């Protein structure tokens, strides 16, 4: 799951179904534990762990790609992060890791 955040956004539902079948086969043959979660849960946890490390570490190599939010004088509800949203223009940017994580849980 080390590099899953880089490519998980580009997988289709069919790809995720194949990966889940692979995990189930590994469980059935005894190669992995029966408690291994579904592949989407593994992807989500890897995404969240990397994004948390980016937000908490000001020296992280991906930190410059996350612009700070402009100051607002309105009393708005708390957001999941304090970064500016990147404009979504194409399907390719929808699959990009940073765009996915910035738009995750914004509602």
C-alpha atoms as a PDB file:
ATOM      1  CA  UNK A   1       0.000   0.000   0.000  1.00  0.00           C
ATOM      2  CA  UNK A   2       3.082   2.193  -0.082  1.00  0.00           C
ATOM      3  CA  UNK A   3       2.387   3.782  -3.474  1.00  0.00           C
ATOM      4  CA  UNK A   4      -1.394   3.237  -3.593  1.00  0.00           C
ATOM      5  CA  UNK A   5      -2.253   6.956  -3.258  1.00  0.00           C
ATOM      6  CA  UNK A   6      -0.420   7.628  -6.524  1.00  0.00           C
ATOM      7  CA  UNK A   7      -2.435   5.199  -8.645  1.00  0.00           C
ATOM      8  CA  UNK A   8      -5.602   4.307  -6.706  1.00  0.00           C
ATOM      9  CA  UNK A   9      -7.565   7.199  -8.190  1.00  0.00           C
ATOM     10  CA  UNK A  10      -7.019   5.846 -11.673  1.00  0.00           C
ATOM     11  CA  UNK A  11      -8.517   2.405 -10.953  1.00  0.00           C
ATOM     12  CA  UNK A  12     -11.963   1.598 -12.258  1.00  0.00           C
ATOM     13  CA  UNK A  13     -14.629  -0.340 -10.401  1.00  0.00           C
ATOM     14  CA  UNK A  14     -13.641  -3.422 -12.406  1.00  0.00           C
ATOM     15  CA  UNK A  15      -9.999  -3.001 -11.350  1.00  0.00           C
ATOM     16  CA  UNK A  16     -11.001  -2.726  -7.686  1.00  0.00           C
ATOM     17  CA  UNK A  17     -13.198  -5.831  -8.032  1.00  0.00           C
ATOM     18  CA  UNK A  18     -10.214  -7.754  -9.446  1.00  0.00           C
ATOM     19  CA  UNK A  19      -8.010  -6.579  -6.587  1.00  0.00           C
ATOM     20  CA  UNK A  20     -10.666  -7.628  -4.044  1.00  0.00           C
ATOM     21  CA  UNK A  21     -10.872 -11.049  -5.722  1.00  0.00           C
ATOM     22  CA  UNK A  22      -7.093 -11.318  -5.459  1.00  0.00           C
ATOM     23  CA  UNK A  23      -7.261 -10.523  -1.718  1.00  0.00           C
ATOM     24  CA  UNK A  24     -10.043 -13.081  -1.177  1.00  0.00           C
ATOM     25  CA  UNK A  25      -8.008 -15.708  -3.043  1.00  0.00           C
ATOM     26  CA  UNK A  26      -5.005 -14.926  -0.854  1.00  0.00           C
ATOM     27  CA  UNK A  27      -7.176 -15.281   2.259  1.00  0.00           C
ATOM     28  CA  UNK A  28      -8.630 -18.575   1.047  1.00  0.00           C
ATOM     29  CA  UNK A  29      -5.164 -19.987   0.317  1.00  0.00           C
ATOM     30  CA  UNK A  30      -3.827 -18.788   3.666  1.00  0.00           C
ATOM     31  CA  UNK A  31      -1.391 -16.172   2.357  1.00  0.00           C
ATOM     32  CA  UNK A  32      -2.973 -13.357   4.343  1.00  0.00           C
ATOM     33  CA  UNK A  33      -5.164 -12.911   7.387  1.00  0.00           C
ATOM     34  CA  UNK A  34      -8.939 -13.284   7.210  1.00  0.00           C
ATOM     35  CA  UNK A  35      -9.256  -9.821   8.796  1.00  0.00           C
ATOM     36  CA  UNK A  36      -7.753  -7.965   5.800  1.00  0.00           C
ATOM     37  CA  UNK A  37     -10.235  -5.210   4.827  1.00  0.00           C
ATOM     38  CA  UNK A  38     -11.531  -4.572   1.328  1.00  0.00           C
ATOM     39  CA  UNK A  39      -9.210  -2.870  -1.145  1.00  0.00           C
ATOM     40  CA  UNK A  40     -11.197   0.385  -1.080  1.00  0.00           C
ATOM     41  CA  UNK A  41     -10.750   0.558   2.701  1.00  0.00           C
ATOM     42  CA  UNK A  42      -7.026  -0.032   2.283  1.00  0.00           C
ATOM     43  CA  UNK A  43      -6.864   2.710  -0.364  1.00  0.00           C
ATOM     44  CA  UNK A  44      -8.776   5.134   1.873  1.00  0.00           C
ATOM     45  CA  UNK A  45      -6.570   4.509   4.880  1.00  0.00           C
ATOM     46  CA  UNK A  46      -3.385   4.928   2.809  1.00  0.00           C
ATOM     47  CA  UNK A  47      -4.749   8.158   1.285  1.00  0.00           C
ATOM     48  CA  UNK A  48      -5.719   9.562   4.677  1.00  0.00           C
ATOM     49  CA  UNK A  49      -2.388   8.662   6.281  1.00  0.00           C
ATOM     50  CA  UNK A  50      -0.382  10.366   3.524  1.00  0.00           C
ATOM     51  CA  UNK A  51      -2.602  13.460   3.466  1.00  0.00           C
ATOM     52  CA  UNK A  52      -2.370  13.803   7.256  1.00  0.00           C
ATOM     53  CA  UNK A  53       1.416  13.611   7.062  1.00  0.00           C
ATOM     54  CA  UNK A  54       1.430  16.283   4.328  1.00  0.00           C
ATOM     55  CA  UNK A  55      -0.791  18.612   6.367  1.00  0.00           C
ATOM     56  CA  UNK A  56       1.139  18.138   9.620  1.00  0.00           C
ATOM     57  CA  UNK A  57       4.662  18.414   8.191  1.00  0.00           C
ATOM     58  CA  UNK A  58       5.428  21.887   6.841  1.00  0.00           C
ATOM     59  CA  UNK A  59       8.645  20.530   5.270  1.00  0.00           C
ATOM     60  CA  UNK A  60       6.887  17.757   3.327  1.00  0.00           C
ATOM     61  CA  UNK A  61       7.854  17.673  -0.346  1.00  0.00           C
ATOM     62  CA  UNK A  62       4.174  17.943  -1.427  1.00  0.00           C
ATOM     63  CA  UNK A  63       3.375  20.900   0.865  1.00  0.00           C
ATOM     64  CA  UNK A  64       4.079  23.574  -1.819  1.00  0.00           C
ATOM     65  CA  UNK A  65       1.365  22.077  -4.025  1.00  0.00           C
ATOM     66  CA  UNK A  66      -1.288  22.848  -1.406  1.00  0.00           C
ATOM     67  CA  UNK A  67      -1.932  26.606  -1.394  1.00  0.00           C
ATOM     68  CA  UNK A  68      -3.079  28.194   1.849  1.00  0.00           C
ATOM     69  CA  UNK A  69      -6.708  29.264   2.095  1.00  0.00           C
ATOM     70  CA  UNK A  70      -7.380  32.959   1.727  1.00  0.00           C
ATOM     71  CA  UNK A  71      -8.586  34.708   4.853  1.00  0.00           C
ATOM     72  CA  UNK A  72     -12.341  35.062   5.207  1.00  0.00           C
ATOM     73  CA  UNK A  73     -14.136  37.377   7.583  1.00  0.00           C
ATOM     74  CA  UNK A  74     -17.207  35.165   7.733  1.00  0.00           C
ATOM     75  CA  UNK A  75     -17.978  32.793  10.571  1.00  0.00           C
ATOM     76  CA  UNK A  76     -18.116  29.552   8.581  1.00  0.00           C
ATOM     77  CA  UNK A  77     -18.145  25.984   9.840  1.00  0.00           C
ATOM     78  CA  UNK A  78     -14.846  24.185  10.362  1.00  0.00           C
ATOM     79  CA  UNK A  79     -13.367  22.479   7.312  1.00  0.00           C
ATOM     80  CA  UNK A  80     -11.481  19.190   7.061  1.00  0.00           C
ATOM     81  CA  UNK A  81      -8.319  21.103   6.082  1.00  0.00           C
ATOM     82  CA  UNK A  82      -7.124  24.686   5.838  1.00  0.00           C
ATOM     83  CA  UNK A  83      -5.990  24.549   2.210  1.00  0.00           C
ATOM     84  CA  UNK A  84      -7.365  26.241  -0.898  1.00  0.00           C
ATOM     85  CA  UNK A  85      -9.297  23.993  -3.290  1.00  0.00           C
ATOM     86  CA  UNK A  86      -7.638  23.305  -6.641  1.00  0.00           C
ATOM     87  CA  UNK A  87      -9.865  23.866  -9.661  1.00  0.00           C
ATOM     88  CA  UNK A  88     -11.142  20.632 -11.155  1.00  0.00           C
ATOM     89  CA  UNK A  89     -11.017  20.873 -14.937  1.00  0.00           C
ATOM     90  CA  UNK A  90     -10.880  17.364 -16.434  1.00  0.00           C
ATOM     91  CA  UNK A  91     -11.370  13.755 -15.437  1.00  0.00           C
ATOM     92  CA  UNK A  92      -7.607  13.439 -15.185  1.00  0.00           C
ATOM     93  CA  UNK A  93      -7.496  16.023 -12.406  1.00  0.00           C
ATOM     94  CA  UNK A  94     -10.420  14.299 -10.659  1.00  0.00           C
ATOM     95  CA  UNK A  95      -8.228  11.194 -10.362  1.00  0.00           C
ATOM     96  CA  UNK A  96      -5.187  13.113  -9.129  1.00  0.00           C
ATOM     97  CA  UNK A  97      -4.282  12.406  -5.503  1.00  0.00           C
ATOM     98  CA  UNK A  98      -4.170  15.992  -4.240  1.00  0.00           C
ATOM     99  CA  UNK A  99      -7.440  16.952  -5.924  1.00  0.00           C
ATOM    100  CA  UNK A 100      -9.173  13.850  -4.562  1.00  0.00           C
ATOM    101  CA  UNK A 101      -7.975  14.540  -1.030  1.00  0.00           C
ATOM    102  CA  UNK A 102      -8.801  18.261  -1.087  1.00  0.00           C
ATOM    103  CA  UNK A 103     -12.355  17.587  -2.216  1.00  0.00           C
ATOM    104  CA  UNK A 104     -12.867  14.604   0.099  1.00  0.00           C
ATOM    105  CA  UNK A 105     -15.184  15.348   3.042  1.00  0.00           C
ATOM    106  CA  UNK A 106     -15.786  18.983   2.072  1.00  0.00           C
ATOM    107  CA  UNK A 107     -19.537  18.759   2.609  1.00  0.00           C
END
